[in-house]
Amino acid sequence: MKYGARNALTAKVKSIKKGDVMSLIKFKVNKPSEMGSVITTESLEDLDLKVGDEVQLIIKAIHVMPVKE
């Protein structure tokens, strides 16, 4: 996936609240100190995110998308 450096942050997964359809993931970043993202639970499972994982946050106009490389 291509994305510009200006719309990406490095972050650690702080917490995961898993739902049947949608899941909330909170991230620790330097500035601001915390961000969150709501993604489908299927996407959460596909990314295999765990608390403490380091990810790239892709900032789009309507949402924050975690990317694990």
N, C-alpha and C. Protein backbone atom coordinates (compact mmCIF):
# COMPACT_ATOMS: atom_id res chain seq x y z
N MET A 1 0.84 -1.17 0.00
CA MET A 1 0.00 0.00 0.00
C MET A 1 0.89 1.24 0.00
N LYS A 2 0.57 2.22 -0.85
CA LYS A 2 1.33 3.46 -0.89
C LYS A 2 0.65 4.50 -0.01
N TYR A 3 1.49 5.27 0.70
CA TYR A 3 0.98 6.37 1.49
C TYR A 3 2.10 7.36 1.70
N GLY A 4 1.75 8.63 1.90
CA GLY A 4 2.75 9.67 2.08
C GLY A 4 3.23 9.75 3.52
N ALA A 5 4.47 10.22 3.71
CA ALA A 5 5.05 10.31 5.05
C ALA A 5 4.29 11.29 5.93
N ARG A 6 3.67 12.28 5.35
CA ARG A 6 2.95 13.28 6.15
C ARG A 6 1.67 12.75 6.77
N ASN A 7 1.17 11.63 6.29
CA ASN A 7 -0.07 11.11 6.85
C ASN A 7 0.13 9.76 7.54
N ALA A 8 1.35 9.51 8.05
CA ALA A 8 1.63 8.25 8.73
C ALA A 8 2.37 8.51 10.04
N LEU A 9 2.00 7.75 11.08
CA LEU A 9 2.65 7.83 12.39
C LEU A 9 3.02 6.43 12.84
N THR A 10 4.13 6.28 13.56
CA THR A 10 4.47 5.01 14.18
C THR A 10 3.80 4.98 15.55
N ALA A 11 3.20 3.85 15.90
CA ALA A 11 2.45 3.75 17.15
C ALA A 11 2.53 2.34 17.71
N LYS A 12 2.22 2.20 19.00
CA LYS A 12 2.09 0.88 19.62
C LYS A 12 0.63 0.66 19.99
N VAL A 13 0.17 -0.58 19.82
CA VAL A 13 -1.19 -0.93 20.20
C VAL A 13 -1.27 -0.90 21.72
N LYS A 14 -2.16 -0.05 22.26
CA LYS A 14 -2.30 0.10 23.71
C LYS A 14 -3.38 -0.82 24.26
N SER A 15 -4.51 -0.90 23.56
CA SER A 15 -5.59 -1.77 24.01
C SER A 15 -6.47 -2.15 22.83
N ILE A 16 -7.18 -3.27 22.99
CA ILE A 16 -8.11 -3.75 21.97
C ILE A 16 -9.42 -4.12 22.65
N LYS A 17 -10.52 -3.56 22.14
CA LYS A 17 -11.86 -3.93 22.60
C LYS A 17 -12.54 -4.60 21.40
N LYS A 18 -12.58 -5.94 21.42
CA LYS A 18 -13.05 -6.72 20.29
C LYS A 18 -14.56 -6.90 20.36
N GLY A 19 -15.25 -6.61 19.25
CA GLY A 19 -16.68 -6.82 19.16
C GLY A 19 -17.00 -7.89 18.13
N ASP A 20 -18.28 -8.22 18.00
CA ASP A 20 -18.70 -9.23 17.03
C ASP A 20 -18.44 -8.78 15.60
N VAL A 21 -18.69 -7.49 15.32
CA VAL A 21 -18.54 -6.96 13.97
C VAL A 21 -17.46 -5.89 13.89
N MET A 22 -17.43 -4.96 14.85
CA MET A 22 -16.46 -3.87 14.87
C MET A 22 -15.60 -3.97 16.12
N SER A 23 -14.37 -3.49 16.04
CA SER A 23 -13.44 -3.53 17.17
C SER A 23 -12.78 -2.17 17.31
N LEU A 24 -12.49 -1.76 18.56
CA LEU A 24 -11.83 -0.49 18.86
C LEU A 24 -10.41 -0.78 19.31
N ILE A 25 -9.44 -0.17 18.65
CA ILE A 25 -8.04 -0.31 19.01
C ILE A 25 -7.52 1.06 19.40
N LYS A 26 -6.86 1.16 20.56
CA LYS A 26 -6.24 2.42 20.98
C LYS A 26 -4.74 2.28 20.82
N PHE A 27 -4.10 3.38 20.38
CA PHE A 27 -2.67 3.38 20.08
C PHE A 27 -1.95 4.43 20.90
N LYS A 28 -0.70 4.14 21.28
CA LYS A 28 0.16 5.11 21.93
C LYS A 28 1.07 5.70 20.86
N VAL A 29 1.02 7.01 20.72
CA VAL A 29 1.87 7.75 19.78
C VAL A 29 2.53 8.89 20.53
N ASN A 30 3.57 9.49 19.95
CA ASN A 30 4.26 10.58 20.63
C ASN A 30 3.42 11.84 20.72
N LYS A 31 2.91 12.34 19.62
CA LYS A 31 2.10 13.56 19.62
C LYS A 31 0.97 13.38 18.64
N PRO A 32 -0.27 13.45 18.98
CA PRO A 32 -0.77 13.46 20.35
C PRO A 32 -0.40 12.17 21.06
N SER A 33 -0.67 12.09 22.35
CA SER A 33 -0.19 10.93 23.12
C SER A 33 -0.99 9.65 22.87
N GLU A 34 -2.20 9.75 22.34
CA GLU A 34 -3.02 8.56 22.09
C GLU A 34 -4.00 8.82 20.96
N MET A 35 -4.26 7.79 20.15
CA MET A 35 -5.26 7.85 19.09
C MET A 35 -6.03 6.54 19.11
N GLY A 36 -7.18 6.51 18.46
CA GLY A 36 -7.97 5.30 18.39
C GLY A 36 -8.46 5.05 16.97
N SER A 37 -8.89 3.81 16.72
CA SER A 37 -9.40 3.43 15.42
C SER A 37 -10.48 2.37 15.61
N VAL A 38 -11.57 2.50 14.89
CA VAL A 38 -12.61 1.48 14.88
C VAL A 38 -12.54 0.80 13.52
N ILE A 39 -12.28 -0.51 13.53
CA ILE A 39 -12.19 -1.29 12.30
C ILE A 39 -13.06 -2.53 12.46
N THR A 40 -13.33 -3.21 11.35
CA THR A 40 -14.11 -4.44 11.47
C THR A 40 -13.30 -5.48 12.24
N THR A 41 -13.99 -6.33 12.95
CA THR A 41 -13.32 -7.40 13.70
C THR A 41 -12.59 -8.32 12.74
N GLU A 42 -13.12 -8.52 11.55
CA GLU A 42 -12.44 -9.34 10.54
C GLU A 42 -11.09 -8.73 10.18
N SER A 43 -11.05 -7.40 10.01
CA SER A 43 -9.78 -6.73 9.72
C SER A 43 -8.81 -6.85 10.89
N LEU A 44 -9.33 -6.73 12.12
CA LEU A 44 -8.50 -6.90 13.32
C LEU A 44 -7.85 -8.27 13.32
N GLU A 45 -8.63 -9.29 13.03
CA GLU A 45 -8.11 -10.66 13.01
C GLU A 45 -7.14 -10.86 11.85
N ASP A 46 -7.42 -10.27 10.68
CA ASP A 46 -6.51 -10.37 9.53
C ASP A 46 -5.15 -9.73 9.84
N LEU A 47 -5.17 -8.60 10.54
CA LEU A 47 -3.93 -7.92 10.91
C LEU A 47 -3.20 -8.62 12.05
N ASP A 48 -3.91 -9.48 12.78
CA ASP A 48 -3.35 -10.19 13.92
C ASP A 48 -2.73 -9.22 14.92
N LEU A 49 -3.46 -8.11 15.20
CA LEU A 49 -2.97 -7.10 16.13
C LEU A 49 -3.04 -7.60 17.56
N LYS A 50 -2.00 -7.29 18.31
CA LYS A 50 -1.95 -7.62 19.73
C LYS A 50 -1.47 -6.39 20.48
N VAL A 51 -1.88 -6.23 21.74
CA VAL A 51 -1.42 -5.13 22.57
C VAL A 51 0.11 -5.16 22.60
N GLY A 52 0.73 -4.02 22.35
CA GLY A 52 2.18 -3.91 22.32
C GLY A 52 2.78 -3.96 20.93
N ASP A 53 1.99 -4.38 19.90
CA ASP A 53 2.49 -4.41 18.53
C ASP A 53 2.79 -2.98 18.05
N GLU A 54 3.86 -2.82 17.28
CA GLU A 54 4.15 -1.54 16.66
C GLU A 54 3.58 -1.55 15.25
N VAL A 55 2.85 -0.48 14.90
CA VAL A 55 2.18 -0.38 13.61
C VAL A 55 2.41 1.01 13.03
N GLN A 56 2.08 1.19 11.76
CA GLN A 56 2.00 2.50 11.14
C GLN A 56 0.53 2.89 11.13
N LEU A 57 0.22 4.12 11.53
CA LEU A 57 -1.14 4.63 11.45
C LEU A 57 -1.23 5.49 10.20
N ILE A 58 -2.13 5.14 9.31
CA ILE A 58 -2.35 5.90 8.09
C ILE A 58 -3.54 6.81 8.34
N ILE A 59 -3.31 8.11 8.28
CA ILE A 59 -4.35 9.08 8.60
C ILE A 59 -5.05 9.47 7.30
N LYS A 60 -6.35 9.19 7.24
CA LYS A 60 -7.17 9.58 6.10
C LYS A 60 -8.19 10.59 6.60
N ALA A 61 -8.83 11.26 5.69
CA ALA A 61 -9.77 12.32 6.06
C ALA A 61 -10.88 11.82 6.98
N ILE A 62 -11.30 10.56 6.82
CA ILE A 62 -12.44 10.09 7.60
C ILE A 62 -12.10 9.05 8.65
N HIS A 63 -10.86 8.50 8.65
CA HIS A 63 -10.54 7.49 9.66
C HIS A 63 -9.04 7.27 9.81
N VAL A 64 -8.66 6.56 10.87
CA VAL A 64 -7.28 6.16 11.12
C VAL A 64 -7.17 4.67 10.82
N MET A 65 -6.24 4.29 9.95
CA MET A 65 -6.13 2.90 9.52
C MET A 65 -4.78 2.32 9.96
N PRO A 66 -4.77 1.27 10.82
CA PRO A 66 -3.50 0.67 11.21
C PRO A 66 -2.95 -0.23 10.10
N VAL A 67 -1.63 -0.19 9.91
CA VAL A 67 -0.95 -1.03 8.93
C VAL A 67 0.19 -1.74 9.65
N LYS A 68 0.24 -3.06 9.57
CA LYS A 68 1.30 -3.84 10.21
C LYS A 68 2.15 -4.46 9.11
N GLU A 69 3.44 -4.11 9.09
CA GLU A 69 4.32 -4.62 8.03
C GLU A 69 5.32 -5.60 8.59
